[in-house]
Amino acid sequence: NEDSSGNAGASIAGYGAAAGIKVKIFVPENASAAKLSQIMSYGA
């Protein structure tokens, strides 16, 4: 699990995907839509 406003969440999600680790990213309600899209693209 990780909490992030965006960039760290995307980065953790990307490297987590490369390692085959299941990732959950907890974000504020007003987090950037572009960053959320990137996080979800990695399968988190």
PDB file of all heavy atoms in Angstrom:
ATOM      1  N   ASN A   1       0.851  -1.185   0.000  1.00  0.00           N
ATOM      2  CA  ASN A   1       0.000   0.000   0.000  1.00  0.00           C
ATOM      3  C   ASN A   1       0.888   1.237   0.000  1.00  0.00           C
ATOM      4  O   ASN A   1       1.971   1.240   0.587  1.00  0.00           O
ATOM      5  CB  ASN A   1      -0.881   0.056   1.254  1.00  0.00           C
ATOM      6  CG  ASN A   1      -1.634  -1.229   1.497  1.00  0.00           C
ATOM      7  OD1 ASN A   1      -2.180  -1.818   0.567  1.00  0.00           O
ATOM      8  ND2 ASN A   1      -1.651  -1.674   2.744  1.00  0.00           N
ATOM      9  N   GLU A   2       0.418   2.282  -0.615  1.00  0.00           N
ATOM     10  CA  GLU A   2       1.137   3.558  -0.639  1.00  0.00           C
ATOM     11  C   GLU A   2       0.113   4.683  -0.657  1.00  0.00           C
ATOM     12  O   GLU A   2      -0.994   4.518  -1.185  1.00  0.00           O
ATOM     13  CB  GLU A   2       2.038   3.624  -1.880  1.00  0.00           C
ATOM     14  CG  GLU A   2       2.465   4.994  -2.335  1.00  0.00           C
ATOM     15  CD  GLU A   2       3.480   5.685  -1.444  1.00  0.00           C
ATOM     16  OE1 GLU A   2       3.311   5.622  -0.216  1.00  0.00           O
ATOM     17  OE2 GLU A   2       4.405   6.306  -1.972  1.00  0.00           O
ATOM     18  N   ASP A   3       0.453   5.810  -0.048  1.00  0.00           N
ATOM     19  CA  ASP A   3      -0.393   7.003  -0.145  1.00  0.00           C
ATOM     20  C   ASP A   3       0.369   8.069  -0.904  1.00  0.00           C
ATOM     21  O   ASP A   3       1.573   8.253  -0.689  1.00  0.00           O
ATOM     22  CB  ASP A   3      -0.793   7.499   1.248  1.00  0.00           C
ATOM     23  CG  ASP A   3       0.400   7.772   2.140  1.00  0.00           C
ATOM     24  OD1 ASP A   3       1.040   6.802   2.587  1.00  0.00           O
ATOM     25  OD2 ASP A   3       0.697   8.959   2.397  1.00  0.00           O
ATOM     26  N   SER A   4      -0.311   8.755  -1.810  1.00  0.00           N
ATOM     27  CA  SER A   4       0.385   9.685  -2.690  1.00  0.00           C
ATOM     28  C   SER A   4      -0.592  10.645  -3.330  1.00  0.00           C
ATOM     29  O   SER A   4      -1.741  10.286  -3.614  1.00  0.00           O
ATOM     30  CB  SER A   4       1.124   8.900  -3.786  1.00  0.00           C
ATOM     31  OG  SER A   4       1.549   9.744  -4.826  1.00  0.00           O
ATOM     32  N   SER A   5      -0.119  11.871  -3.598  1.00  0.00           N
ATOM     33  CA  SER A   5      -0.931  12.820  -4.351  1.00  0.00           C
ATOM     34  C   SER A   5      -0.803  12.603  -5.850  1.00  0.00           C
ATOM     35  O   SER A   5      -1.518  13.219  -6.632  1.00  0.00           O
ATOM     36  CB  SER A   5      -0.504  14.255  -4.005  1.00  0.00           C
ATOM     37  OG  SER A   5       0.850  14.471  -4.368  1.00  0.00           O
ATOM     38  N   GLY A   6       0.119  11.737  -6.276  1.00  0.00           N
ATOM     39  CA  GLY A   6       0.218  11.477  -7.710  1.00  0.00           C
ATOM     40  C   GLY A   6       1.510  10.868  -8.186  1.00  0.00           C
ATOM     41  O   GLY A   6       1.565   9.690  -8.551  1.00  0.00           O
ATOM     42  N   ASN A   7       2.605  11.625  -8.194  1.00  0.00           N
ATOM     43  CA  ASN A   7       3.843  11.155  -8.812  1.00  0.00           C
ATOM     44  C   ASN A   7       4.449   9.939  -8.126  1.00  0.00           C
ATOM     45  O   ASN A   7       4.897   8.996  -8.784  1.00  0.00           O
ATOM     46  CB  ASN A   7       4.879  12.281  -8.846  1.00  0.00           C
ATOM     47  CG  ASN A   7       4.573  13.318  -9.906  1.00  0.00           C
ATOM     48  OD1 ASN A   7       3.825  13.056 -10.842  1.00  0.00           O
ATOM     49  ND2 ASN A   7       5.140  14.494  -9.756  1.00  0.00           N
ATOM     50  N   ALA A   8       4.478   9.954  -6.805  1.00  0.00           N
ATOM     51  CA  ALA A   8       5.026   8.797  -6.092  1.00  0.00           C
ATOM     52  C   ALA A   8       4.150   7.571  -6.313  1.00  0.00           C
ATOM     53  O   ALA A   8       4.655   6.458  -6.471  1.00  0.00           O
ATOM     54  CB  ALA A   8       5.161   9.096  -4.594  1.00  0.00           C
ATOM     55  N   GLY A   9       2.843   7.781  -6.325  1.00  0.00           N
ATOM     56  CA  GLY A   9       1.926   6.669  -6.568  1.00  0.00           C
ATOM     57  C   GLY A   9       2.139   6.050  -7.929  1.00  0.00           C
ATOM     58  O   GLY A   9       2.158   4.817  -8.083  1.00  0.00           O
ATOM     59  N   ALA A  10       2.305   6.899  -8.944  1.00  0.00           N
ATOM     60  CA  ALA A  10       2.559   6.392 -10.295  1.00  0.00           C
ATOM     61  C   ALA A  10       3.875   5.632 -10.352  1.00  0.00           C
ATOM     62  O   ALA A  10       3.982   4.573 -10.974  1.00  0.00           O
ATOM     63  CB  ALA A  10       2.571   7.548 -11.288  1.00  0.00           C
ATOM     64  N   SER A  11       4.886   6.164  -9.692  1.00  0.00           N
ATOM     65  CA  SER A  11       6.197   5.526  -9.708  1.00  0.00           C
ATOM     66  C   SER A  11       6.183   4.183  -8.978  1.00  0.00           C
ATOM     67  O   SER A  11       6.682   3.170  -9.489  1.00  0.00           O
ATOM     68  CB  SER A  11       7.221   6.469  -9.071  1.00  0.00           C
ATOM     69  OG  SER A  11       8.515   5.950  -9.168  1.00  0.00           O
ATOM     70  N   ILE A  12       5.593   4.157  -7.796  1.00  0.00           N
ATOM     71  CA  ILE A  12       5.480   2.906  -7.039  1.00  0.00           C
ATOM     72  C   ILE A  12       4.667   1.884  -7.832  1.00  0.00           C
ATOM     73  O   ILE A  12       4.998   0.690  -7.882  1.00  0.00           O
ATOM     74  CB  ILE A  12       4.824   3.157  -5.669  1.00  0.00           C
ATOM     75  CG1 ILE A  12       5.760   3.955  -4.758  1.00  0.00           C
ATOM     76  CG2 ILE A  12       4.395   1.853  -5.005  1.00  0.00           C
ATOM     77  CD1 ILE A  12       6.914   3.192  -4.178  1.00  0.00           C
ATOM     78  N   ALA A  13       3.585   2.348  -8.476  1.00  0.00           N
ATOM     79  CA  ALA A  13       2.743   1.445  -9.270  1.00  0.00           C
ATOM     80  C   ALA A  13       3.519   0.859 -10.444  1.00  0.00           C
ATOM     81  O   ALA A  13       3.405  -0.334 -10.749  1.00  0.00           O
ATOM     82  CB  ALA A  13       1.504   2.183  -9.766  1.00  0.00           C
ATOM     83  N   GLY A  14       4.316   1.683 -11.112  1.00  0.00           N
ATOM     84  CA  GLY A  14       5.090   1.207 -12.254  1.00  0.00           C
ATOM     85  C   GLY A  14       6.131   0.177 -11.869  1.00  0.00           C
ATOM     86  O   GLY A  14       6.251  -0.883 -12.487  1.00  0.00           O
ATOM     87  N   TYR A  15       6.904   0.480 -10.838  1.00  0.00           N
ATOM     88  CA  TYR A  15       7.934  -0.464 -10.399  1.00  0.00           C
ATOM     89  C   TYR A  15       7.319  -1.692  -9.741  1.00  0.00           C
ATOM     90  O   TYR A  15       7.848  -2.806  -9.863  1.00  0.00           O
ATOM     91  CB  TYR A  15       8.931   0.228  -9.468  1.00  0.00           C
ATOM     92  CG  TYR A  15       9.957   1.015 -10.237  1.00  0.00           C
ATOM     93  CD1 TYR A  15       9.702   2.309 -10.660  1.00  0.00           C
ATOM     94  CD2 TYR A  15      11.174   0.444 -10.598  1.00  0.00           C
ATOM     95  CE1 TYR A  15      10.618   3.033 -11.404  1.00  0.00           C
ATOM     96  CE2 TYR A  15      12.112   1.153 -11.338  1.00  0.00           C
ATOM     97  CZ  TYR A  15      11.828   2.443 -11.738  1.00  0.00           C
ATOM     98  OH  TYR A  15      12.734   3.141 -12.489  1.00  0.00           O
ATOM     99  N   GLY A  16       6.184  -1.494  -9.059  1.00  0.00           N
ATOM    100  CA  GLY A  16       5.478  -2.641  -8.499  1.00  0.00           C
ATOM    101  C   GLY A  16       5.019  -3.597  -9.583  1.00  0.00           C
ATOM    102  O   GLY A  16       5.119  -4.823  -9.443  1.00  0.00           O
ATOM    103  N   ALA A  17       4.519  -3.026 -10.688  1.00  0.00           N
ATOM    104  CA  ALA A  17       4.092  -3.859 -11.812  1.00  0.00           C
ATOM    105  C   ALA A  17       5.272  -4.649 -12.382  1.00  0.00           C
ATOM    106  O   ALA A  17       5.154  -5.835 -12.699  1.00  0.00           O
ATOM    107  CB  ALA A  17       3.472  -2.985 -12.899  1.00  0.00           C
ATOM    108  N   ALA A  18       6.432  -3.983 -12.498  1.00  0.00           N
ATOM    109  CA  ALA A  18       7.620  -4.663 -13.029  1.00  0.00           C
ATOM    110  C   ALA A  18       8.059  -5.809 -12.125  1.00  0.00           C
ATOM    111  O   ALA A  18       8.586  -6.812 -12.602  1.00  0.00           O
ATOM    112  CB  ALA A  18       8.759  -3.661 -13.192  1.00  0.00           C
ATOM    113  N   ALA A  19       7.807  -5.666 -10.819  1.00  0.00           N
ATOM    114  CA  ALA A  19       8.207  -6.703  -9.860  1.00  0.00           C
ATOM    115  C   ALA A  19       7.126  -7.765  -9.656  1.00  0.00           C
ATOM    116  O   ALA A  19       7.362  -8.754  -8.957  1.00  0.00           O
ATOM    117  CB  ALA A  19       8.536  -6.053  -8.512  1.00  0.00           C
ATOM    118  N   GLY A  20       5.945  -7.555 -10.255  1.00  0.00           N
ATOM    119  CA  GLY A  20       4.847  -8.503 -10.070  1.00  0.00           C
ATOM    120  C   GLY A  20       4.186  -8.391  -8.706  1.00  0.00           C
ATOM    121  O   GLY A  20       3.630  -9.373  -8.193  1.00  0.00           O
ATOM    122  N   ILE A  21       4.215  -7.207  -8.127  1.00  0.00           N
ATOM    123  CA  ILE A  21       3.641  -6.967  -6.808  1.00  0.00           C
ATOM    124  C   ILE A  21       2.279  -6.288  -6.953  1.00  0.00           C
ATOM    125  O   ILE A  21       2.123  -5.366  -7.766  1.00  0.00           O
ATOM    126  CB  ILE A  21       4.587  -6.077  -5.966  1.00  0.00           C
ATOM    127  CG1 ILE A  21       5.911  -6.809  -5.703  1.00  0.00           C
ATOM    128  CG2 ILE A  21       3.940  -5.648  -4.655  1.00  0.00           C
ATOM    129  CD1 ILE A  21       6.985  -5.929  -5.061  1.00  0.00           C
ATOM    130  N   LYS A  22       1.312  -6.712  -6.176  1.00  0.00           N
ATOM    131  CA  LYS A  22       0.008  -6.074  -6.166  1.00  0.00           C
ATOM    132  C   LYS A  22       0.115  -4.744  -5.429  1.00  0.00           C
ATOM    133  O   LYS A  22       0.620  -4.676  -4.310  1.00  0.00           O
ATOM    134  CB  LYS A  22      -1.027  -6.974  -5.482  1.00  0.00           C
ATOM    135  CG  LYS A  22      -2.430  -6.389  -5.439  1.00  0.00           C
ATOM    136  CD  LYS A  22      -3.405  -7.332  -4.737  1.00  0.00           C
ATOM    137  CE  LYS A  22      -4.792  -6.711  -4.669  1.00  0.00           C
ATOM    138  NZ  LYS A  22      -5.749  -7.599  -3.959  1.00  0.00           N
ATOM    139  N   VAL A  23      -0.376  -3.669  -6.060  1.00  0.00           N
ATOM    140  CA  VAL A  23      -0.199  -2.327  -5.508  1.00  0.00           C
ATOM    141  C   VAL A  23      -1.556  -1.654  -5.306  1.00  0.00           C
ATOM    142  O   VAL A  23      -2.396  -1.632  -6.207  1.00  0.00           O
ATOM    143  CB  VAL A  23       0.668  -1.454  -6.447  1.00  0.00           C
ATOM    144  CG1 VAL A  23       0.804  -0.035  -5.889  1.00  0.00           C
ATOM    145  CG2 VAL A  23       2.038  -2.089  -6.656  1.00  0.00           C
ATOM    146  N   LYS A  24      -1.745  -1.078  -4.126  1.00  0.00           N
ATOM    147  CA  LYS A  24      -2.900  -0.226  -3.835  1.00  0.00           C
ATOM    148  C   LYS A  24      -2.385   1.179  -3.516  1.00  0.00           C
ATOM    149  O   LYS A  24      -1.523   1.335  -2.654  1.00  0.00           O
ATOM    150  CB  LYS A  24      -3.714  -0.770  -2.660  1.00  0.00           C
ATOM    151  CG  LYS A  24      -4.466  -2.052  -2.957  1.00  0.00           C
ATOM    152  CD  LYS A  24      -5.397  -2.441  -1.798  1.00  0.00           C
ATOM    153  CE  LYS A  24      -4.620  -2.873  -0.582  1.00  0.00           C
ATOM    154  NZ  LYS A  24      -5.499  -3.382   0.510  1.00  0.00           N
ATOM    155  N   ILE A  25      -2.905   2.171  -4.220  1.00  0.00           N
ATOM    156  CA  ILE A  25      -2.492   3.553  -4.009  1.00  0.00           C
ATOM    157  C   ILE A  25      -3.675   4.338  -3.435  1.00  0.00           C
ATOM    158  O   ILE A  25      -4.730   4.430  -4.060  1.00  0.00           O
ATOM    159  CB  ILE A  25      -2.014   4.218  -5.313  1.00  0.00           C
ATOM    160  CG1 ILE A  25      -0.902   3.393  -5.977  1.00  0.00           C
ATOM    161  CG2 ILE A  25      -1.557   5.645  -5.035  1.00  0.00           C
ATOM    162  CD1 ILE A  25       0.387   3.323  -5.189  1.00  0.00           C
ATOM    163  N   PHE A  26      -3.474   4.892  -2.261  1.00  0.00           N
ATOM    164  CA  PHE A  26      -4.483   5.706  -1.600  1.00  0.00           C
ATOM    165  C   PHE A  26      -4.207   7.170  -1.940  1.00  0.00           C
ATOM    166  O   PHE A  26      -3.077   7.651  -1.754  1.00  0.00           O
ATOM    167  CB  PHE A  26      -4.435   5.482  -0.091  1.00  0.00           C
ATOM    168  CG  PHE A  26      -4.875   4.107   0.329  1.00  0.00           C
ATOM    169  CD1 PHE A  26      -4.045   3.005   0.114  1.00  0.00           C
ATOM    170  CD2 PHE A  26      -6.106   3.897   0.933  1.00  0.00           C
ATOM    171  CE1 PHE A  26      -4.439   1.729   0.492  1.00  0.00           C
ATOM    172  CE2 PHE A  26      -6.509   2.624   1.320  1.00  0.00           C
ATOM    173  CZ  PHE A  26      -5.684   1.540   1.096  1.00  0.00           C
ATOM    174  N   VAL A  27      -5.233   7.861  -2.437  1.00  0.00           N
ATOM    175  CA  VAL A  27      -5.034   9.223  -2.932  1.00  0.00           C
ATOM    176  C   VAL A  27      -6.077  10.170  -2.350  1.00  0.00           C
ATOM    177  O   VAL A  27      -7.175   9.747  -1.964  1.00  0.00           O
ATOM    178  CB  VAL A  27      -5.120   9.267  -4.476  1.00  0.00           C
ATOM    179  CG1 VAL A  27      -4.088   8.351  -5.113  1.00  0.00           C
ATOM    180  CG2 VAL A  27      -6.524   8.918  -4.970  1.00  0.00           C
ATOM    181  N   PRO A  28      -5.776  11.482  -2.299  1.00  0.00           N
ATOM    182  CA  PRO A  28      -6.796  12.461  -1.916  1.00  0.00           C
ATOM    183  C   PRO A  28      -7.885  12.539  -2.984  1.00  0.00           C
ATOM    184  O   PRO A  28      -7.642  12.218  -4.157  1.00  0.00           O
ATOM    185  CB  PRO A  28      -6.012  13.775  -1.853  1.00  0.00           C
ATOM    186  CG  PRO A  28      -4.571  13.397  -1.842  1.00  0.00           C
ATOM    187  CD  PRO A  28      -4.464  12.097  -2.556  1.00  0.00           C
ATOM    188  N   GLU A  29      -9.045  12.962  -2.594  1.00  0.00           N
ATOM    189  CA  GLU A  29     -10.158  13.055  -3.541  1.00  0.00           C
ATOM    190  C   GLU A  29      -9.873  14.008  -4.700  1.00  0.00           C
ATOM    191  O   GLU A  29     -10.391  13.821  -5.802  1.00  0.00           O
ATOM    192  CB  GLU A  29     -11.425  13.526  -2.816  1.00  0.00           C
ATOM    193  CG  GLU A  29     -12.164  12.429  -2.081  1.00  0.00           C
ATOM    194  CD  GLU A  29     -13.551  12.869  -1.647  1.00  0.00           C
ATOM    195  OE1 GLU A  29     -13.679  13.983  -1.112  1.00  0.00           O
ATOM    196  OE2 GLU A  29     -14.512  12.100  -1.855  1.00  0.00           O
ATOM    197  N   ASN A  30      -9.048  15.006  -4.460  1.00  0.00           N
ATOM    198  CA  ASN A  30      -8.776  16.010  -5.496  1.00  0.00           C
ATOM    199  C   ASN A  30      -7.484  15.735  -6.274  1.00  0.00           C
ATOM    200  O   ASN A  30      -6.935  16.623  -6.912  1.00  0.00           O
ATOM    201  CB  ASN A  30      -8.702  17.399  -4.871  1.00  0.00           C
ATOM    202  CG  ASN A  30      -7.569  17.522  -3.846  1.00  0.00           C
ATOM    203  OD1 ASN A  30      -6.990  16.516  -3.451  1.00  0.00           O
ATOM    204  ND2 ASN A  30      -7.279  18.736  -3.423  1.00  0.00           N
ATOM    205  N   ALA A  31      -7.007  14.502  -6.239  1.00  0.00           N
ATOM    206  CA  ALA A  31      -5.767  14.162  -6.947  1.00  0.00           C
ATOM    207  C   ALA A  31      -5.923  14.388  -8.449  1.00  0.00           C
ATOM    208  O   ALA A  31      -7.019  14.277  -9.010  1.00  0.00           O
ATOM    209  CB  ALA A  31      -5.385  12.714  -6.670  1.00  0.00           C
ATOM    210  N   SER A  32      -4.820  14.714  -9.104  1.00  0.00           N
ATOM    211  CA  SER A  32      -4.805  14.988 -10.535  1.00  0.00           C
ATOM    212  C   SER A  32      -5.339  13.811 -11.354  1.00  0.00           C
ATOM    213  O   SER A  32      -4.893  12.672 -11.178  1.00  0.00           O
ATOM    214  CB  SER A  32      -3.370  15.300 -10.973  1.00  0.00           C
ATOM    215  OG  SER A  32      -3.189  15.141 -12.352  1.00  0.00           O
ATOM    216  N   ALA A  33      -6.282  14.102 -12.253  1.00  0.00           N
ATOM    217  CA  ALA A  33      -6.864  13.053 -13.092  1.00  0.00           C
ATOM    218  C   ALA A  33      -5.806  12.402 -13.977  1.00  0.00           C
ATOM    219  O   ALA A  33      -5.828  11.183 -14.197  1.00  0.00           O
ATOM    220  CB  ALA A  33      -7.984  13.644 -13.952  1.00  0.00           C
ATOM    221  N   ALA A  34      -4.871  13.207 -14.488  1.00  0.00           N
ATOM    222  CA  ALA A  34      -3.819  12.658 -15.349  1.00  0.00           C
ATOM    223  C   ALA A  34      -2.940  11.676 -14.575  1.00  0.00           C
ATOM    224  O   ALA A  34      -2.572  10.614 -15.081  1.00  0.00           O
ATOM    225  CB  ALA A  34      -2.972  13.791 -15.920  1.00  0.00           C
ATOM    226  N   LYS A  35      -2.622  12.028 -13.334  1.00  0.00           N
ATOM    227  CA  LYS A  35      -1.775  11.149 -12.527  1.00  0.00           C
ATOM    228  C   LYS A  35      -2.521   9.880 -12.111  1.00  0.00           C
ATOM    229  O   LYS A  35      -1.948   8.800 -12.075  1.00  0.00           O
ATOM    230  CB  LYS A  35      -1.251  11.914 -11.318  1.00  0.00           C
ATOM    231  CG  LYS A  35      -0.266  13.009 -11.705  1.00  0.00           C
ATOM    232  CD  LYS A  35       0.167  13.861 -10.526  1.00  0.00           C
ATOM    233  CE  LYS A  35       1.101  14.974 -10.976  1.00  0.00           C
ATOM    234  NZ  LYS A  35       1.501  15.865  -9.870  1.00  0.00           N
ATOM    235  N   LEU A  36      -3.808  10.010 -11.818  1.00  0.00           N
ATOM    236  CA  LEU A  36      -4.603   8.829 -11.474  1.00  0.00           C
ATOM    237  C   LEU A  36      -4.690   7.878 -12.657  1.00  0.00           C
ATOM    238  O   LEU A  36      -4.617   6.659 -12.495  1.00  0.00           O
ATOM    239  CB  LEU A  36      -6.003   9.242 -11.019  1.00  0.00           C
ATOM    240  CG  LEU A  36      -6.096  10.033  -9.715  1.00  0.00           C
ATOM    241  CD1 LEU A  36      -7.563  10.287  -9.359  1.00  0.00           C
ATOM    242  CD2 LEU A  36      -5.401   9.318  -8.576  1.00  0.00           C
ATOM    243  N   SER A  37      -4.849   8.438 -13.838  1.00  0.00           N
ATOM    244  CA  SER A  37      -4.901   7.609 -15.039  1.00  0.00           C
ATOM    245  C   SER A  37      -3.602   6.845 -15.226  1.00  0.00           C
ATOM    246  O   SER A  37      -3.607   5.653 -15.570  1.00  0.00           O
ATOM    247  CB  SER A  37      -5.170   8.491 -16.261  1.00  0.00           C
ATOM    248  OG  SER A  37      -5.146   7.734 -17.449  1.00  0.00           O
ATOM    249  N   GLN A  38      -2.484   7.500 -14.975  1.00  0.00           N
ATOM    250  CA  GLN A  38      -1.194   6.830 -15.099  1.00  0.00           C
ATOM    251  C   GLN A  38      -1.067   5.701 -14.078  1.00  0.00           C
ATOM    252  O   GLN A  38      -0.637   4.598 -14.403  1.00  0.00           O
ATOM    253  CB  GLN A  38      -0.050   7.823 -14.921  1.00  0.00           C
ATOM    254  CG  GLN A  38       1.320   7.195 -15.127  1.00  0.00           C
ATOM    255  CD  GLN A  38       2.461   8.159 -14.877  1.00  0.00           C
ATOM    256  OE1 GLN A  38       2.246   9.296 -14.437  1.00  0.00           O
ATOM    257  NE2 GLN A  38       3.675   7.720 -15.147  1.00  0.00           N
ATOM    258  N   ILE A  39      -1.468   5.970 -12.831  1.00  0.00           N
ATOM    259  CA  ILE A  39      -1.396   4.950 -11.774  1.00  0.00           C
ATOM    260  C   ILE A  39      -2.205   3.718 -12.178  1.00  0.00           C
ATOM    261  O   ILE A  39      -1.728   2.585 -12.086  1.00  0.00           O
ATOM    262  CB  ILE A  39      -1.922   5.520 -10.439  1.00  0.00           C
ATOM    263  CG1 ILE A  39      -0.967   6.582  -9.896  1.00  0.00           C
ATOM    264  CG2 ILE A  39      -2.108   4.404  -9.409  1.00  0.00           C
ATOM    265  CD1 ILE A  39      -1.527   7.370  -8.733  1.00  0.00           C
ATOM    266  N   MET A  40      -3.428   3.931 -12.642  1.00  0.00           N
ATOM    267  CA  MET A  40      -4.311   2.815 -12.996  1.00  0.00           C
ATOM    268  C   MET A  40      -3.807   2.068 -14.222  1.00  0.00           C
ATOM    269  O   MET A  40      -4.019   0.862 -14.354  1.00  0.00           O
ATOM    270  CB  MET A  40      -5.732   3.325 -13.206  1.00  0.00           C
ATOM    271  CG  MET A  40      -6.388   3.777 -11.901  1.00  0.00           C
ATOM    272  SD  MET A  40      -8.133   4.245 -12.074  1.00  0.00           S
ATOM    273  CE  MET A  40      -7.985   5.808 -12.937  1.00  0.00           C
ATOM    274  N   SER A  41      -3.100   2.772 -15.104  1.00  0.00           N
ATOM    275  CA  SER A  41      -2.569   2.118 -16.303  1.00  0.00           C
ATOM    276  C   SER A  41      -1.573   1.019 -15.947  1.00  0.00           C
ATOM    277  O   SER A  41      -1.436   0.037 -16.687  1.00  0.00           O
ATOM    278  CB  SER A  41      -1.890   3.147 -17.211  1.00  0.00           C
ATOM    279  OG  SER A  41      -2.832   4.058 -17.728  1.00  0.00           O
ATOM    280  N   TYR A  42      -0.910   1.149 -14.823  1.00  0.00           N
ATOM    281  CA  TYR A  42       0.043   0.133 -14.380  1.00  0.00           C
ATOM    282  C   TYR A  42      -0.640  -1.038 -13.685  1.00  0.00           C
ATOM    283  O   TYR A  42       0.032  -1.983 -13.251  1.00  0.00           O
ATOM    284  CB  TYR A  42       1.070   0.747 -13.431  1.00  0.00           C
ATOM    285  CG  TYR A  42       1.966   1.795 -14.051  1.00  0.00           C
ATOM    286  CD1 TYR A  42       2.052   3.079 -13.505  1.00  0.00           C
ATOM    287  CD2 TYR A  42       2.740   1.504 -15.177  1.00  0.00           C
ATOM    288  CE1 TYR A  42       2.883   4.038 -14.058  1.00  0.00           C
ATOM    289  CE2 TYR A  42       3.565   2.467 -15.733  1.00  0.00           C
ATOM    290  CZ  TYR A  42       3.631   3.728 -15.179  1.00  0.00           C
ATOM    291  OH  TYR A  42       4.456   4.687 -15.735  1.00  0.00           O
ATOM    292  N   GLY A  43      -1.951  -0.973 -13.568  1.00  0.00           N
ATOM    293  CA  GLY A  43      -2.689  -2.068 -12.948  1.00  0.00           C
ATOM    294  C   GLY A  43      -2.892  -1.920 -11.456  1.00  0.00           C
ATOM    295  O   GLY A  43      -3.427  -2.826 -10.804  1.00  0.00           O
ATOM    296  N   ALA A  44      -2.495  -0.780 -10.897  1.00  0.00           N
ATOM    297  CA  ALA A  44      -2.668  -0.565  -9.457  1.00  0.00           C
ATOM    298  C   ALA A  44      -4.121  -0.199  -9.153  1.00  0.00           C
ATOM    299  O   ALA A  44      -4.818   0.387  -9.975  1.00  0.00           O
ATOM    300  CB  ALA A  44      -1.741   0.545  -8.973  1.00  0.00           C
TER     301      ALA A  44
END
